[in-house]
Amino acid sequence: INLPKVKTHGLTIFTCAVKNMYGVVPGLIKTE
């Protein structure tokens, strides 16, 4: 169950359901 927050985003412009799942990548692997 995906529980995003409605927000703007500097790089992707918008973050909600799709962008929220980026957090399933552990830790600083995301920065890579």
Full PDB file with SEQRES, HELIX, SHEET, SSBOND, CRYST1, ORIGX, SCALE, CONECT and MASTER records, all heavy atoms in Angstrom:
SEQRES   1 A   32  ILE ASN LEU PRO LYS VAL LYS THR HIS GLY LEU THR ILE          
SEQRES   2 A   32  PHE THR CYS ALA VAL LYS ASN MET TYR GLY VAL VAL PRO          
SEQRES   3 A   32  GLY LEU ILE LYS THR GLU                                      
HELIX    1 AA1 ALA A   17  ASN A   20  1                                   4    
HELIX    2 AA2 MET A   21  VAL A   24  5                                   4    
HELIX    3 AA3 GLY A   27  THR A   31  5                                   5    
SHEET    1 AA1 2 LYS A   7  HIS A   9  0                                        
SHEET    2 AA1 2 ILE A  13  THR A  15 -1                                        
CRYST1    1.000    1.000    1.000  90.00  90.00  90.00 P 1           1          
ORIGX1      1.000000  0.000000  0.000000        0.00000                         
ORIGX2      0.000000  1.000000  0.000000        0.00000                         
ORIGX3      0.000000  0.000000  1.000000        0.00000                         
SCALE1      1.000000  0.000000  0.000000        0.00000                         
SCALE2      0.000000  1.000000  0.000000        0.00000                         
SCALE3      0.000000  0.000000  1.000000        0.00000                         
ATOM      1  N   ILE A   1       0.863  -1.184   0.000  1.00  0.00           N  
ATOM      2  CA  ILE A   1       0.000   0.000   0.000  1.00  0.00           C  
ATOM      3  C   ILE A   1       0.895   1.229   0.000  1.00  0.00           C  
ATOM      4  O   ILE A   1       1.691   1.436   0.912  1.00  0.00           O  
ATOM      5  CB  ILE A   1      -0.950   0.029   1.213  1.00  0.00           C  
ATOM      6  CG1 ILE A   1      -1.861  -1.210   1.214  1.00  0.00           C  
ATOM      7  CG2 ILE A   1      -1.807   1.300   1.170  1.00  0.00           C  
ATOM      8  CD1 ILE A   1      -2.833  -1.248   2.387  1.00  0.00           C  
ATOM      9  N   ASN A   2       0.765   2.031  -1.022  1.00  0.00           N  
ATOM     10  CA  ASN A   2       1.569   3.223  -1.234  1.00  0.00           C  
ATOM     11  C   ASN A   2       0.850   4.420  -0.613  1.00  0.00           C  
ATOM     12  O   ASN A   2      -0.297   4.701  -0.959  1.00  0.00           O  
ATOM     13  CB  ASN A   2       1.740   3.404  -2.749  1.00  0.00           C  
ATOM     14  CG  ASN A   2       2.671   4.531  -3.129  1.00  0.00           C  
ATOM     15  OD1 ASN A   2       3.474   4.990  -2.329  1.00  0.00           O  
ATOM     16  ND2 ASN A   2       2.563   4.964  -4.375  1.00  0.00           N  
ATOM     17  N   LEU A   3       1.519   5.129   0.310  1.00  0.00           N  
ATOM     18  CA  LEU A   3       0.904   6.277   0.990  1.00  0.00           C  
ATOM     19  C   LEU A   3       1.695   7.554   0.711  1.00  0.00           C  
ATOM     20  O   LEU A   3       2.405   8.071   1.578  1.00  0.00           O  
ATOM     21  CB  LEU A   3       0.848   6.053   2.513  1.00  0.00           C  
ATOM     22  CG  LEU A   3       0.054   4.891   3.066  1.00  0.00           C  
ATOM     23  CD1 LEU A   3      -0.056   5.011   4.584  1.00  0.00           C  
ATOM     24  CD2 LEU A   3      -1.324   4.832   2.456  1.00  0.00           C  
ATOM     25  N   PRO A   4       1.597   8.097  -0.491  1.00  0.00           N  
ATOM     26  CA  PRO A   4       2.355   9.307  -0.818  1.00  0.00           C  
ATOM     27  C   PRO A   4       1.716  10.570  -0.266  1.00  0.00           C  
ATOM     28  O   PRO A   4       0.565  10.579   0.178  1.00  0.00           O  
ATOM     29  CB  PRO A   4       2.318   9.323  -2.351  1.00  0.00           C  
ATOM     30  CG  PRO A   4       1.006   8.683  -2.683  1.00  0.00           C  
ATOM     31  CD  PRO A   4       0.813   7.607  -1.642  1.00  0.00           C  
ATOM     32  N   LYS A   5       2.497  11.634  -0.307  1.00  0.00           N  
ATOM     33  CA  LYS A   5       2.070  12.984   0.045  1.00  0.00           C  
ATOM     34  C   LYS A   5       2.054  13.811  -1.242  1.00  0.00           C  
ATOM     35  O   LYS A   5       2.957  13.683  -2.066  1.00  0.00           O  
ATOM     36  CB  LYS A   5       3.068  13.588   1.031  1.00  0.00           C  
ATOM     37  CG  LYS A   5       2.694  14.955   1.589  1.00  0.00           C  
ATOM     38  CD  LYS A   5       1.919  14.800   2.859  1.00  0.00           C  
ATOM     39  CE  LYS A   5       1.818  16.102   3.638  1.00  0.00           C  
ATOM     40  NZ  LYS A   5       0.963  15.952   4.822  1.00  0.00           N  
ATOM     41  N   VAL A   6       1.067  14.669  -1.424  1.00  0.00           N  
ATOM     42  CA  VAL A   6       1.012  15.537  -2.602  1.00  0.00           C  
ATOM     43  C   VAL A   6       2.019  16.675  -2.433  1.00  0.00           C  
ATOM     44  O   VAL A   6       1.867  17.517  -1.542  1.00  0.00           O  
ATOM     45  CB  VAL A   6      -0.401  16.127  -2.796  1.00  0.00           C  
ATOM     46  CG1 VAL A   6      -0.425  17.028  -4.027  1.00  0.00           C  
ATOM     47  CG2 VAL A   6      -1.437  15.023  -2.940  1.00  0.00           C  
ATOM     48  N   LYS A   7       3.064  16.693  -3.293  1.00  0.00           N  
ATOM     49  CA  LYS A   7       4.098  17.724  -3.175  1.00  0.00           C  
ATOM     50  C   LYS A   7       4.672  18.054  -4.548  1.00  0.00           C  
ATOM     51  O   LYS A   7       4.666  17.237  -5.467  1.00  0.00           O  
ATOM     52  CB  LYS A   7       5.239  17.252  -2.264  1.00  0.00           C  
ATOM     53  CG  LYS A   7       4.848  16.974  -0.829  1.00  0.00           C  
ATOM     54  CD  LYS A   7       6.076  16.745   0.050  1.00  0.00           C  
ATOM     55  CE  LYS A   7       6.784  15.459  -0.288  1.00  0.00           C  
ATOM     56  NZ  LYS A   7       7.966  15.229   0.584  1.00  0.00           N  
ATOM     57  N   THR A   8       5.200  19.253  -4.661  1.00  0.00           N  
ATOM     58  CA  THR A   8       6.017  19.604  -5.812  1.00  0.00           C  
ATOM     59  C   THR A   8       7.421  19.051  -5.618  1.00  0.00           C  
ATOM     60  O   THR A   8       7.784  18.614  -4.527  1.00  0.00           O  
ATOM     61  CB  THR A   8       6.083  21.129  -5.983  1.00  0.00           C  
ATOM     62  OG1 THR A   8       6.501  21.710  -4.742  1.00  0.00           O  
ATOM     63  CG2 THR A   8       4.723  21.689  -6.377  1.00  0.00           C  
ATOM     64  N   HIS A   9       8.223  19.105  -6.701  1.00  0.00           N  
ATOM     65  CA  HIS A   9       9.570  18.547  -6.633  1.00  0.00           C  
ATOM     66  C   HIS A   9      10.472  19.330  -7.580  1.00  0.00           C  
ATOM     67  O   HIS A   9      10.114  19.554  -8.737  1.00  0.00           O  
ATOM     68  CB  HIS A   9       9.539  17.067  -7.019  1.00  0.00           C  
ATOM     69  CG  HIS A   9      10.776  16.312  -6.656  1.00  0.00           C  
ATOM     70  ND1 HIS A   9      11.934  16.391  -7.389  1.00  0.00           N  
ATOM     71  CD2 HIS A   9      11.036  15.453  -5.629  1.00  0.00           C  
ATOM     72  CE1 HIS A   9      12.864  15.609  -6.835  1.00  0.00           C  
ATOM     73  NE2 HIS A   9      12.348  15.036  -5.773  1.00  0.00           N  
ATOM     74  N   GLY A  10      11.637  19.734  -7.083  1.00  0.00           N  
ATOM     75  CA  GLY A  10      12.535  20.561  -7.865  1.00  0.00           C  
ATOM     76  C   GLY A  10      13.019  19.904  -9.145  1.00  0.00           C  
ATOM     77  O   GLY A  10      13.225  20.581 -10.156  1.00  0.00           O  
ATOM     78  N   LEU A  11      13.215  18.583  -9.138  1.00  0.00           N  
ATOM     79  CA  LEU A  11      13.754  17.899 -10.310  1.00  0.00           C  
ATOM     80  C   LEU A  11      12.652  17.264 -11.159  1.00  0.00           C  
ATOM     81  O   LEU A  11      12.644  17.410 -12.381  1.00  0.00           O  
ATOM     82  CB  LEU A  11      14.754  16.827  -9.867  1.00  0.00           C  
ATOM     83  CG  LEU A  11      15.512  16.110 -10.992  1.00  0.00           C  
ATOM     84  CD1 LEU A  11      16.382  17.102 -11.771  1.00  0.00           C  
ATOM     85  CD2 LEU A  11      16.382  14.991 -10.433  1.00  0.00           C  
ATOM     86  N   THR A  12      11.719  16.551 -10.532  1.00  0.00           N  
ATOM     87  CA  THR A  12      10.664  15.862 -11.280  1.00  0.00           C  
ATOM     88  C   THR A  12       9.369  16.682 -11.362  1.00  0.00           C  
ATOM     89  O   THR A  12       8.382  16.204 -11.913  1.00  0.00           O  
ATOM     90  CB  THR A  12      10.358  14.487 -10.654  1.00  0.00           C  
ATOM     91  OG1 THR A  12       9.884  14.660  -9.311  1.00  0.00           O  
ATOM     92  CG2 THR A  12      11.598  13.608 -10.629  1.00  0.00           C  
ATOM     93  N   ILE A  13       9.369  17.883 -10.815  1.00  0.00           N  
ATOM     94  CA  ILE A  13       8.248  18.831 -10.811  1.00  0.00           C  
ATOM     95  C   ILE A  13       7.149  18.419  -9.831  1.00  0.00           C  
ATOM     96  O   ILE A  13       6.626  19.241  -9.082  1.00  0.00           O  
ATOM     97  CB  ILE A  13       7.634  19.039 -12.206  1.00  0.00           C  
ATOM     98  CG1 ILE A  13       8.726  19.389 -13.232  1.00  0.00           C  
ATOM     99  CG2 ILE A  13       6.610  20.181 -12.169  1.00  0.00           C  
ATOM    100  CD1 ILE A  13       8.201  19.472 -14.659  1.00  0.00           C  
ATOM    101  N   PHE A  14       6.825  17.128  -9.819  1.00  0.00           N  
ATOM    102  CA  PHE A  14       5.716  16.628  -8.995  1.00  0.00           C  
ATOM    103  C   PHE A  14       6.117  15.307  -8.372  1.00  0.00           C  
ATOM    104  O   PHE A  14       6.792  14.483  -8.999  1.00  0.00           O  
ATOM    105  CB  PHE A  14       4.477  16.434  -9.882  1.00  0.00           C  
ATOM    106  CG  PHE A  14       3.246  15.972  -9.158  1.00  0.00           C  
ATOM    107  CD1 PHE A  14       2.627  16.772  -8.215  1.00  0.00           C  
ATOM    108  CD2 PHE A  14       2.673  14.729  -9.445  1.00  0.00           C  
ATOM    109  CE1 PHE A  14       1.469  16.355  -7.564  1.00  0.00           C  
ATOM    110  CE2 PHE A  14       1.522  14.307  -8.799  1.00  0.00           C  
ATOM    111  CZ  PHE A  14       0.920  15.117  -7.850  1.00  0.00           C  
ATOM    112  N   THR A  15       5.722  15.100  -7.113  1.00  0.00           N  
ATOM    113  CA  THR A  15       5.946  13.811  -6.476  1.00  0.00           C  
ATOM    114  C   THR A  15       4.680  13.368  -5.773  1.00  0.00           C  
ATOM    115  O   THR A  15       4.106  14.096  -4.973  1.00  0.00           O  
ATOM    116  CB  THR A  15       7.134  13.853  -5.484  1.00  0.00           C  
ATOM    117  OG1 THR A  15       7.177  12.621  -4.745  1.00  0.00           O  
ATOM    118  CG2 THR A  15       7.031  15.012  -4.503  1.00  0.00           C  
ATOM    119  N   CYS A  16       4.235  12.176  -6.136  1.00  0.00           N  
ATOM    120  CA  CYS A  16       3.076  11.577  -5.468  1.00  0.00           C  
ATOM    121  C   CYS A  16       3.199  10.058  -5.582  1.00  0.00           C  
ATOM    122  O   CYS A  16       4.193   9.503  -5.131  1.00  0.00           O  
ATOM    123  CB  CYS A  16       1.760  12.112  -6.044  1.00  0.00           C  
ATOM    124  SG  CYS A  16       0.322  11.742  -5.002  1.00  0.00           S  
ATOM    125  N   ALA A  17       2.256   9.389  -6.216  1.00  0.00           N  
ATOM    126  CA  ALA A  17       2.226   7.924  -6.169  1.00  0.00           C  
ATOM    127  C   ALA A  17       3.435   7.274  -6.829  1.00  0.00           C  
ATOM    128  O   ALA A  17       4.077   6.392  -6.252  1.00  0.00           O  
ATOM    129  CB  ALA A  17       0.934   7.416  -6.807  1.00  0.00           C  
ATOM    130  N   VAL A  18       3.766   7.680  -8.051  1.00  0.00           N  
ATOM    131  CA  VAL A  18       4.873   7.036  -8.765  1.00  0.00           C  
ATOM    132  C   VAL A  18       6.207   7.360  -8.100  1.00  0.00           C  
ATOM    133  O   VAL A  18       6.993   6.464  -7.783  1.00  0.00           O  
ATOM    134  CB  VAL A  18       4.879   7.453 -10.250  1.00  0.00           C  
ATOM    135  CG1 VAL A  18       6.136   6.924 -10.957  1.00  0.00           C  
ATOM    136  CG2 VAL A  18       3.630   6.918 -10.958  1.00  0.00           C  
ATOM    137  N   LYS A  19       6.480   8.621  -7.847  1.00  0.00           N  
ATOM    138  CA  LYS A  19       7.767   9.019  -7.269  1.00  0.00           C  
ATOM    139  C   LYS A  19       7.947   8.489  -5.850  1.00  0.00           C  
ATOM    140  O   LYS A  19       9.085   8.198  -5.430  1.00  0.00           O  
ATOM    141  CB  LYS A  19       7.870  10.557  -7.270  1.00  0.00           C  
ATOM    142  CG  LYS A  19       9.113  11.128  -6.600  1.00  0.00           C  
ATOM    143  CD  LYS A  19      10.389  10.723  -7.307  1.00  0.00           C  
ATOM    144  CE  LYS A  19      11.603  11.485  -6.767  1.00  0.00           C  
ATOM    145  NZ  LYS A  19      11.877  11.191  -5.353  1.00  0.00           N  
ATOM    146  N   ASN A  20       6.863   8.315  -5.095  1.00  0.00           N  
ATOM    147  CA  ASN A  20       6.992   7.850  -3.713  1.00  0.00           C  
ATOM    148  C   ASN A  20       7.635   6.468  -3.621  1.00  0.00           C  
ATOM    149  O   ASN A  20       8.291   6.155  -2.635  1.00  0.00           O  
ATOM    150  CB  ASN A  20       5.629   7.822  -3.019  1.00  0.00           C  
ATOM    151  CG  ASN A  20       5.748   7.661  -1.516  1.00  0.00           C  
ATOM    152  OD1 ASN A  20       6.490   8.387  -0.861  1.00  0.00           O  
ATOM    153  ND2 ASN A  20       5.014   6.699  -0.962  1.00  0.00           N  
ATOM    154  N   MET A  21       7.475   5.653  -4.658  1.00  0.00           N  
ATOM    155  CA  MET A  21       8.044   4.310  -4.609  1.00  0.00           C  
ATOM    156  C   MET A  21       9.564   4.307  -4.792  1.00  0.00           C  
ATOM    157  O   MET A  21      10.207   3.278  -4.617  1.00  0.00           O  
ATOM    158  CB  MET A  21       7.381   3.423  -5.670  1.00  0.00           C  
ATOM    159  CG  MET A  21       5.897   3.173  -5.413  1.00  0.00           C  
ATOM    160  SD  MET A  21       5.519   2.591  -3.728  1.00  0.00           S  
ATOM    161  CE  MET A  21       6.308   0.986  -3.711  1.00  0.00           C  
ATOM    162  N   TYR A  22      10.154   5.464  -5.096  1.00  0.00           N  
ATOM    163  CA  TYR A  22      11.614   5.557  -5.158  1.00  0.00           C  
ATOM    164  C   TYR A  22      12.230   5.227  -3.806  1.00  0.00           C  
ATOM    165  O   TYR A  22      13.381   4.785  -3.725  1.00  0.00           O  
ATOM    166  CB  TYR A  22      12.001   6.969  -5.598  1.00  0.00           C  
ATOM    167  CG  TYR A  22      13.452   7.132  -5.995  1.00  0.00           C  
ATOM    168  CD1 TYR A  22      13.978   6.425  -7.061  1.00  0.00           C  
ATOM    169  CD2 TYR A  22      14.287   8.022  -5.316  1.00  0.00           C  
ATOM    170  CE1 TYR A  22      15.309   6.581  -7.438  1.00  0.00           C  
ATOM    171  CE2 TYR A  22      15.615   8.191  -5.685  1.00  0.00           C  
ATOM    172  CZ  TYR A  22      16.120   7.471  -6.748  1.00  0.00           C  
ATOM    173  OH  TYR A  22      17.433   7.620  -7.111  1.00  0.00           O  
ATOM    174  N   GLY A  23      11.461   5.407  -2.737  1.00  0.00           N  
ATOM    175  CA  GLY A  23      11.945   5.121  -1.397  1.00  0.00           C  
ATOM    176  C   GLY A  23      12.107   3.647  -1.079  1.00  0.00           C  
ATOM    177  O   GLY A  23      12.594   3.305   0.009  1.00  0.00           O  
ATOM    178  N   VAL A  24      11.733   2.742  -2.012  1.00  0.00           N  
ATOM    179  CA  VAL A  24      11.958   1.308  -1.769  1.00  0.00           C  
ATOM    180  C   VAL A  24      13.408   0.934  -2.058  1.00  0.00           C  
ATOM    181  O   VAL A  24      13.831  -0.195  -1.789  1.00  0.00           O  
ATOM    182  CB  VAL A  24      10.999   0.419  -2.592  1.00  0.00           C  
ATOM    183  CG1 VAL A  24       9.550   0.773  -2.293  1.00  0.00           C  
ATOM    184  CG2 VAL A  24      11.284   0.499  -4.092  1.00  0.00           C  
ATOM    185  N   VAL A  25      14.171   1.879  -2.607  1.00  0.00           N  
ATOM    186  CA  VAL A  25      15.610   1.668  -2.804  1.00  0.00           C  
ATOM    187  C   VAL A  25      16.314   2.018  -1.499  1.00  0.00           C  
ATOM    188  O   VAL A  25      16.186   3.141  -1.000  1.00  0.00           O  
ATOM    189  CB  VAL A  25      16.142   2.553  -3.945  1.00  0.00           C  
ATOM    190  CG1 VAL A  25      17.659   2.400  -4.088  1.00  0.00           C  
ATOM    191  CG2 VAL A  25      15.439   2.210  -5.248  1.00  0.00           C  
ATOM    192  N   PRO A  26      17.054   1.092  -0.905  1.00  0.00           N  
ATOM    193  CA  PRO A  26      17.654   1.364   0.405  1.00  0.00           C  
ATOM    194  C   PRO A  26      18.760   2.399   0.368  1.00  0.00           C  
ATOM    195  O   PRO A  26      19.594   2.421  -0.546  1.00  0.00           O  
ATOM    196  CB  PRO A  26      18.226  -0.003   0.823  1.00  0.00           C  
ATOM    197  CG  PRO A  26      17.541  -0.997  -0.040  1.00  0.00           C  
ATOM    198  CD  PRO A  26      17.257  -0.297  -1.328  1.00  0.00           C  
ATOM    199  N   GLY A  27      18.754   3.273   1.375  1.00  0.00           N  
ATOM    200  CA  GLY A  27      19.873   4.144   1.696  1.00  0.00           C  
ATOM    201  C   GLY A  27      20.424   4.981   0.561  1.00  0.00           C  
ATOM    202  O   GLY A  27      19.705   5.464  -0.313  1.00  0.00           O  
ATOM    203  N   LEU A  28      21.748   5.122   0.563  1.00  0.00           N  
ATOM    204  CA  LEU A  28      22.423   6.015  -0.367  1.00  0.00           C  
ATOM    205  C   LEU A  28      22.586   5.431  -1.764  1.00  0.00           C  
ATOM    206  O   LEU A  28      23.169   6.078  -2.638  1.00  0.00           O  
ATOM    207  CB  LEU A  28      23.788   6.409   0.201  1.00  0.00           C  
ATOM    208  CG  LEU A  28      23.721   7.333   1.425  1.00  0.00           C  
ATOM    209  CD1 LEU A  28      25.117   7.580   1.985  1.00  0.00           C  
ATOM    210  CD2 LEU A  28      23.068   8.657   1.066  1.00  0.00           C  
ATOM    211  N   ILE A  29      22.048   4.212  -1.986  1.00  0.00           N  
ATOM    212  CA  ILE A  29      22.019   3.695  -3.365  1.00  0.00           C  
ATOM    213  C   ILE A  29      21.236   4.660  -4.244  1.00  0.00           C  
ATOM    214  O   ILE A  29      21.526   4.832  -5.425  1.00  0.00           O  
ATOM    215  CB  ILE A  29      21.389   2.288  -3.399  1.00  0.00           C  
ATOM    216  CG1 ILE A  29      22.216   1.313  -2.568  1.00  0.00           C  
ATOM    217  CG2 ILE A  29      21.286   1.772  -4.835  1.00  0.00           C  
ATOM    218  CD1 ILE A  29      21.586  -0.061  -2.412  1.00  0.00           C  
ATOM    219  N   LYS A  30      20.245   5.320  -3.632  1.00  0.00           N  
ATOM    220  CA  LYS A  30      19.436   6.278  -4.394  1.00  0.00           C  
ATOM    221  C   LYS A  30      20.286   7.387  -4.996  1.00  0.00           C  
ATOM    222  O   LYS A  30      20.012   7.862  -6.101  1.00  0.00           O  
ATOM    223  CB  LYS A  30      18.360   6.875  -3.485  1.00  0.00           C  
ATOM    224  CG  LYS A  30      17.267   5.901  -3.083  1.00  0.00           C  
ATOM    225  CD  LYS A  30      16.134   6.586  -2.350  1.00  0.00           C  
ATOM    226  CE  LYS A  30      16.486   6.947  -0.927  1.00  0.00           C  
ATOM    227  NZ  LYS A  30      16.717   5.754  -0.075  1.00  0.00           N  
ATOM    228  N   THR A  31      21.316   7.817  -4.269  1.00  0.00           N  
ATOM    229  CA  THR A  31      22.145   8.900  -4.802  1.00  0.00           C  
ATOM    230  C   THR A  31      22.965   8.437  -6.004  1.00  0.00           C  
ATOM    231  O   THR A  31      23.291   9.249  -6.877  1.00  0.00           O  
ATOM    232  CB  THR A  31      23.088   9.455  -3.718  1.00  0.00           C  
ATOM    233  OG1 THR A  31      23.996   8.445  -3.286  1.00  0.00           O  
ATOM    234  CG2 THR A  31      22.298   9.959  -2.519  1.00  0.00           C  
ATOM    235  N   GLU A  32      23.293   7.148  -6.058  1.00  0.00           N  
ATOM    236  CA  GLU A  32      24.011   6.631  -7.219  1.00  0.00           C  
ATOM    237  C   GLU A  32      23.140   6.716  -8.471  1.00  0.00           C  
ATOM    238  O   GLU A  32      23.639   6.986  -9.571  1.00  0.00           O  
ATOM    239  CB  GLU A  32      24.438   5.179  -6.969  1.00  0.00           C  
ATOM    240  CG  GLU A  32      25.571   5.039  -5.978  1.00  0.00           C  
ATOM    241  CD  GLU A  32      26.823   5.756  -6.441  1.00  0.00           C  
ATOM    242  OE1 GLU A  32      27.247   5.545  -7.604  1.00  0.00           O  
ATOM    243  OE2 GLU A  32      27.369   6.559  -5.660  1.00  0.00           O  
TER     244      GLU A  32                                                      
MASTER        0    0    0    3    2    0    0    6  243    1    0    3          
END                                                                             
